[in-house]
Amino acid sequence: MDDPKLIDLEPHKWRSDRPKPREPIFGAGAANLIAIGITVAILLGLSYFVRGQLNAWWPGSQAETSKSLPPGNYTWSPEKGLQKSD
């Protein structure tokens, strides 16, 4: 060990005169992570709102197909379709 740059220290014994960065989650990337999270939340909110507006404006697309049937027994045939059987 003639070279002074080759000092083998334990990580908890490292010292330096210059300031060291903090953990990565608190570093410069935290602002980007928060900005991405806010952007995703806004886009999801807008898509939910637009989907609701489209369903209200154009009710024939999903409103009729999502109606539930009253309770009872039903039979289906290719000729007659779905019919309630008594």
Protein backbone atom coordinates (compact mmCIF):
# COMPACT_ATOMS: atom_id res chain seq x y z
CA MET A 1 0.00 0.00 0.00
CA ASP A 2 2.47 2.57 -1.15
CA ASP A 3 -0.15 4.59 -3.04
CA PRO A 4 -2.09 6.93 -0.69
CA LYS A 5 -5.16 6.77 -2.96
CA LEU A 6 -5.59 3.07 -2.20
CA ILE A 7 -6.82 3.34 1.37
CA ASP A 8 -9.27 0.64 2.33
CA LEU A 9 -11.85 2.13 4.72
CA GLU A 10 -15.18 0.94 5.97
CA PRO A 11 -18.08 2.93 4.41
CA HIS A 12 -19.10 4.44 7.76
CA LYS A 13 -15.57 5.87 8.16
CA TRP A 14 -15.52 7.79 4.87
CA ARG A 15 -14.97 11.53 5.33
CA SER A 16 -14.81 14.37 2.86
CA ASP A 17 -14.52 18.16 2.92
CA ARG A 18 -17.05 18.63 0.13
CA PRO A 19 -20.81 18.27 0.76
CA LYS A 20 -22.23 14.91 -0.26
CA PRO A 21 -25.60 14.45 -1.94
CA ARG A 22 -28.40 12.97 0.08
CA GLU A 23 -30.20 9.75 -0.67
CA PRO A 24 -31.53 9.53 -4.26
CA ILE A 25 -35.18 9.84 -3.22
CA PHE A 26 -34.50 13.26 -1.69
CA GLY A 27 -32.17 14.40 -4.47
CA ALA A 28 -32.85 16.26 -7.69
CA GLY A 29 -35.06 13.46 -9.01
CA ALA A 30 -37.76 14.05 -6.39
CA ALA A 31 -39.11 17.13 -8.21
CA ASN A 32 -39.37 15.15 -11.45
CA LEU A 33 -41.14 12.29 -9.67
CA ILE A 34 -43.67 14.67 -8.12
CA ALA A 35 -44.24 16.40 -11.48
CA ILE A 36 -44.82 13.06 -13.21
CA GLY A 37 -47.23 11.97 -10.46
CA ILE A 38 -49.24 15.20 -10.72
CA THR A 39 -49.34 14.91 -14.52
CA VAL A 40 -50.58 11.32 -14.39
CA ALA A 41 -53.25 12.26 -11.83
CA ILE A 42 -54.47 15.15 -14.01
CA LEU A 43 -54.58 12.97 -17.13
CA LEU A 44 -56.50 10.22 -15.34
CA GLY A 45 -58.95 12.76 -13.97
CA LEU A 46 -59.46 14.31 -17.39
CA SER A 47 -59.97 10.94 -19.05
CA TYR A 48 -62.53 9.97 -16.38
CA PHE A 49 -64.34 13.29 -16.87
CA VAL A 50 -64.30 13.07 -20.69
CA ARG A 51 -65.53 9.47 -20.56
CA GLY A 52 -68.46 10.57 -18.40
CA GLN A 53 -69.26 13.45 -20.74
CA LEU A 54 -69.16 11.16 -23.78
CA ASN A 55 -71.45 8.63 -22.11
CA ALA A 56 -73.90 11.40 -21.18
CA TRP A 57 -73.82 12.89 -24.68
CA TRP A 58 -73.88 9.59 -26.57
CA PRO A 59 -75.96 7.26 -24.41
CA GLY A 60 -76.65 4.59 -27.03
CA SER A 61 -73.14 3.18 -26.96
CA GLN A 62 -72.79 1.76 -23.44
CA ALA A 63 -75.90 2.74 -21.52
CA GLU A 64 -78.20 0.25 -23.29
CA THR A 65 -75.77 -2.63 -23.17
CA SER A 66 -75.06 -2.21 -19.47
CA LYS A 67 -78.69 -2.33 -18.29
CA SER A 68 -79.28 -5.18 -15.89
CA LEU A 69 -82.12 -7.60 -16.41
CA PRO A 70 -84.89 -8.06 -13.86
CA PRO A 71 -84.60 -11.23 -11.79
CA GLY A 72 -85.98 -14.41 -13.25
CA ASN A 73 -85.13 -17.30 -15.55
CA TYR A 74 -84.19 -16.61 -19.14
CA THR A 75 -83.64 -18.74 -22.21
CA TRP A 76 -81.85 -17.83 -25.40
CA SER A 77 -82.34 -19.23 -28.87
CA PRO A 78 -80.89 -18.02 -32.17
CA GLU A 79 -84.36 -17.56 -33.63
CA LYS A 80 -86.01 -15.68 -30.79
CA GLY A 81 -83.09 -14.20 -28.85
CA LEU A 82 -83.25 -13.77 -25.08
CA GLN A 83 -86.68 -14.39 -23.60
CA LYS A 84 -87.95 -14.70 -20.07
CA SER A 85 -89.17 -18.19 -19.30
CA ASP A 86 -91.94 -18.59 -16.72
